[in-house]
Amino acid sequence: MMAETAKRNYRSKEERIAEIEQKIETHKANIAVLEGKKAAILNPAPRRKRVGVGTVLKAAKESGMTPEEIANKLGIKL
């Protein structure tokens, strides 16, 4: 019996180049995502300050409200 050898199917240069180009594009997209994460780390967004009761009352007084008006708005009887 003669052993039949399978003929190897070679891809063309264009097919191999197209596959490599596709891999390059995939890696470029991944690099762009990582660059964005790096930029976010280097330039963090400023932390937001919690608004306290004192700040709200101070702003109300600066807007011209009297303590009685503030209490009225809050439903507090003085």
N, C-alpha and C. Protein backbone atom coordinates (compact mmCIF):
# COMPACT_ATOMS: atom_id res chain seq x y z
N MET A 1 0.82 -1.18 0.00
CA MET A 1 0.00 0.00 0.00
C MET A 1 0.87 1.25 0.00
N MET A 2 0.39 2.17 -0.73
CA MET A 2 1.10 3.43 -0.81
C MET A 2 0.44 4.45 0.12
N ALA A 3 1.23 5.06 0.94
CA ALA A 3 0.69 6.06 1.86
C ALA A 3 0.45 7.36 1.09
N GLU A 4 -0.76 7.81 1.17
CA GLU A 4 -1.08 9.06 0.48
C GLU A 4 -0.74 10.22 1.42
N THR A 5 -0.02 11.15 0.91
CA THR A 5 0.32 12.31 1.71
C THR A 5 -0.65 13.44 1.36
N ALA A 6 -1.08 14.12 2.40
CA ALA A 6 -2.00 15.24 2.18
C ALA A 6 -1.21 16.41 1.61
N LYS A 7 -1.76 17.00 0.60
CA LYS A 7 -1.09 18.14 -0.01
C LYS A 7 -1.31 19.35 0.88
N ARG A 8 -0.23 20.00 1.19
CA ARG A 8 -0.31 21.17 2.06
C ARG A 8 -0.88 22.35 1.28
N ASN A 9 -1.84 23.02 1.91
CA ASN A 9 -2.49 24.16 1.28
C ASN A 9 -1.79 25.43 1.75
N TYR A 10 -1.04 26.06 0.88
CA TYR A 10 -0.32 27.28 1.22
C TYR A 10 -1.22 28.49 0.96
N ARG A 11 -1.16 29.43 1.90
CA ARG A 11 -1.92 30.66 1.70
C ARG A 11 -1.10 31.62 0.86
N SER A 12 -1.78 32.47 0.16
CA SER A 12 -1.07 33.43 -0.68
C SER A 12 -0.50 34.55 0.18
N LYS A 13 0.40 35.31 -0.40
CA LYS A 13 0.99 36.44 0.33
C LYS A 13 -0.08 37.43 0.76
N GLU A 14 -1.05 37.67 -0.11
CA GLU A 14 -2.10 38.64 0.18
C GLU A 14 -2.94 38.20 1.38
N GLU A 15 -3.21 36.91 1.48
CA GLU A 15 -4.00 36.39 2.61
C GLU A 15 -3.23 36.55 3.91
N ARG A 16 -1.94 36.23 3.87
CA ARG A 16 -1.14 36.36 5.10
C ARG A 16 -1.00 37.82 5.51
N ILE A 17 -0.79 38.69 4.53
CA ILE A 17 -0.66 40.12 4.83
C ILE A 17 -1.97 40.67 5.38
N ALA A 18 -3.10 40.25 4.80
CA ALA A 18 -4.40 40.72 5.28
C ALA A 18 -4.63 40.29 6.73
N GLU A 19 -4.22 39.08 7.07
CA GLU A 19 -4.38 38.60 8.45
C GLU A 19 -3.52 39.42 9.41
N ILE A 20 -2.30 39.73 9.00
CA ILE A 20 -1.41 40.53 9.84
C ILE A 20 -1.97 41.94 10.00
N GLU A 21 -2.48 42.52 8.92
CA GLU A 21 -3.06 43.87 8.99
C GLU A 21 -4.26 43.90 9.94
N GLN A 22 -5.05 42.85 9.92
CA GLN A 22 -6.21 42.77 10.82
C GLN A 22 -5.73 42.73 12.28
N LYS A 23 -4.68 41.98 12.54
CA LYS A 23 -4.14 41.90 13.90
C LYS A 23 -3.58 43.25 14.34
N ILE A 24 -2.92 43.95 13.41
CA ILE A 24 -2.38 45.27 13.73
C ILE A 24 -3.49 46.23 14.10
N GLU A 25 -4.59 46.23 13.35
CA GLU A 25 -5.72 47.11 13.65
C GLU A 25 -6.33 46.79 15.01
N THR A 26 -6.43 45.51 15.33
CA THR A 26 -6.96 45.11 16.63
C THR A 26 -6.09 45.64 17.76
N HIS A 27 -4.78 45.51 17.59
CA HIS A 27 -3.87 45.97 18.63
C HIS A 27 -3.87 47.50 18.73
N LYS A 28 -4.01 48.18 17.60
CA LYS A 28 -4.09 49.65 17.64
C LYS A 28 -5.32 50.10 18.41
N ALA A 29 -6.44 49.40 18.23
CA ALA A 29 -7.65 49.75 18.98
C ALA A 29 -7.44 49.52 20.47
N ASN A 30 -6.78 48.43 20.83
CA ASN A 30 -6.50 48.16 22.25
C ASN A 30 -5.56 49.21 22.83
N ILE A 31 -4.59 49.63 22.04
CA ILE A 31 -3.65 50.66 22.49
C ILE A 31 -4.39 51.97 22.73
N ALA A 32 -5.33 52.31 21.86
CA ALA A 32 -6.10 53.55 22.02
C ALA A 32 -6.90 53.52 23.32
N VAL A 33 -7.47 52.37 23.65
CA VAL A 33 -8.23 52.24 24.91
C VAL A 33 -7.29 52.45 26.09
N LEU A 34 -6.12 51.83 26.03
CA LEU A 34 -5.16 51.97 27.13
C LEU A 34 -4.64 53.40 27.25
N GLU A 35 -4.44 54.08 26.12
CA GLU A 35 -4.01 55.48 26.16
C GLU A 35 -5.07 56.34 26.85
N GLY A 36 -6.33 56.05 26.60
CA GLY A 36 -7.41 56.79 27.26
C GLY A 36 -7.40 56.56 28.76
N LYS A 37 -7.17 55.32 29.18
CA LYS A 37 -7.10 55.03 30.62
C LYS A 37 -5.90 55.73 31.25
N LYS A 38 -4.78 55.77 30.51
CA LYS A 38 -3.58 56.44 31.01
C LYS A 38 -3.85 57.93 31.19
N ALA A 39 -4.52 58.54 30.20
CA ALA A 39 -4.84 59.97 30.29
C ALA A 39 -5.76 60.25 31.46
N ALA A 40 -6.70 59.33 31.73
CA ALA A 40 -7.61 59.52 32.86
C ALA A 40 -6.85 59.46 34.18
N ILE A 41 -5.83 58.63 34.25
CA ILE A 41 -5.03 58.53 35.48
C ILE A 41 -4.18 59.78 35.65
N LEU A 42 -3.59 60.26 34.55
CA LEU A 42 -2.72 61.43 34.64
C LEU A 42 -3.49 62.73 34.88
N ASN A 43 -4.73 62.81 34.42
CA ASN A 43 -5.55 64.01 34.58
C ASN A 43 -6.87 63.65 35.25
N PRO A 44 -6.83 63.37 36.55
CA PRO A 44 -8.08 62.96 37.21
C PRO A 44 -9.08 64.11 37.30
N ALA A 45 -10.34 63.75 37.31
CA ALA A 45 -11.39 64.75 37.48
C ALA A 45 -11.36 65.24 38.92
N PRO A 46 -11.60 66.52 39.13
CA PRO A 46 -11.58 67.03 40.51
C PRO A 46 -12.71 66.42 41.32
N ARG A 47 -12.41 66.19 42.57
CA ARG A 47 -13.43 65.63 43.46
C ARG A 47 -14.50 66.67 43.73
N ARG A 48 -15.71 66.18 43.82
CA ARG A 48 -16.81 67.09 44.12
C ARG A 48 -16.95 67.21 45.62
N LYS A 49 -17.16 68.43 46.05
CA LYS A 49 -17.29 68.70 47.47
C LYS A 49 -18.74 68.48 47.89
N ARG A 50 -18.92 67.78 48.99
CA ARG A 50 -20.28 67.56 49.50
C ARG A 50 -20.86 68.87 49.99
N VAL A 51 -22.10 69.07 49.70
CA VAL A 51 -22.78 70.28 50.13
C VAL A 51 -23.33 70.03 51.53
N GLY A 52 -22.90 70.87 52.47
CA GLY A 52 -23.37 70.73 53.83
C GLY A 52 -24.50 71.69 54.14
N VAL A 53 -25.10 71.49 55.28
CA VAL A 53 -26.21 72.34 55.70
C VAL A 53 -25.74 73.78 55.87
N GLY A 54 -24.55 73.93 56.42
CA GLY A 54 -24.02 75.28 56.62
C GLY A 54 -23.85 76.02 55.31
N THR A 55 -23.42 75.32 54.30
CA THR A 55 -23.24 75.94 52.98
C THR A 55 -24.57 76.38 52.41
N VAL A 56 -25.59 75.55 52.57
CA VAL A 56 -26.92 75.88 52.06
C VAL A 56 -27.47 77.10 52.80
N LEU A 57 -27.34 77.11 54.11
CA LEU A 57 -27.84 78.25 54.90
C LEU A 57 -27.09 79.53 54.55
N LYS A 58 -25.79 79.41 54.35
CA LYS A 58 -24.99 80.58 54.00
C LYS A 58 -25.44 81.14 52.65
N ALA A 59 -25.68 80.25 51.68
CA ALA A 59 -26.14 80.69 50.36
C ALA A 59 -27.51 81.34 50.45
N ALA A 60 -28.38 80.80 51.30
CA ALA A 60 -29.72 81.37 51.47
C ALA A 60 -29.63 82.76 52.08
N LYS A 61 -28.75 82.93 53.05
CA LYS A 61 -28.59 84.25 53.68
C LYS A 61 -28.01 85.25 52.68
N GLU A 62 -27.05 84.78 51.85
CA GLU A 62 -26.45 85.68 50.86
C GLU A 62 -27.46 86.10 49.79
N SER A 63 -28.46 85.25 49.54
CA SER A 63 -29.47 85.59 48.55
C SER A 63 -30.49 86.57 49.12
N GLY A 64 -30.37 86.90 50.41
CA GLY A 64 -31.24 87.90 51.00
C GLY A 64 -32.36 87.33 51.84
N MET A 65 -32.39 86.04 52.07
CA MET A 65 -33.45 85.44 52.88
C MET A 65 -33.15 85.66 54.36
N THR A 66 -34.18 85.92 55.11
CA THR A 66 -34.03 86.07 56.55
C THR A 66 -34.14 84.69 57.19
N PRO A 67 -33.66 84.55 58.42
CA PRO A 67 -33.79 83.26 59.10
C PRO A 67 -35.24 82.79 59.20
N GLU A 68 -36.18 83.73 59.35
CA GLU A 68 -37.59 83.35 59.43
C GLU A 68 -38.08 82.78 58.09
N GLU A 69 -37.65 83.39 56.99
CA GLU A 69 -38.04 82.88 55.67
C GLU A 69 -37.45 81.49 55.41
N ILE A 70 -36.22 81.30 55.84
CA ILE A 70 -35.58 79.99 55.67
C ILE A 70 -36.34 78.94 56.46
N ALA A 71 -36.69 79.28 57.71
CA ALA A 71 -37.43 78.34 58.55
C ALA A 71 -38.80 78.05 57.95
N ASN A 72 -39.45 79.07 57.40
CA ASN A 72 -40.75 78.88 56.74
C ASN A 72 -40.64 77.91 55.57
N LYS A 73 -39.62 78.10 54.75
CA LYS A 73 -39.42 77.22 53.58
C LYS A 73 -39.19 75.78 54.02
N LEU A 74 -38.49 75.62 55.14
CA LEU A 74 -38.20 74.27 55.63
C LEU A 74 -39.36 73.69 56.44
N GLY A 75 -40.33 74.49 56.74
CA GLY A 75 -41.49 74.02 57.50
C GLY A 75 -41.21 73.92 58.99
N ILE A 76 -40.31 74.78 59.46
CA ILE A 76 -39.95 74.78 60.88
C ILE A 76 -40.63 75.98 61.53
N LYS A 77 -41.26 75.75 62.69
CA LYS A 77 -41.89 76.84 63.43
C LYS A 77 -40.90 77.36 64.46
N LEU A 78 -40.72 78.67 64.45
CA LEU A 78 -39.82 79.30 65.43
C LEU A 78 -40.59 79.99 66.52
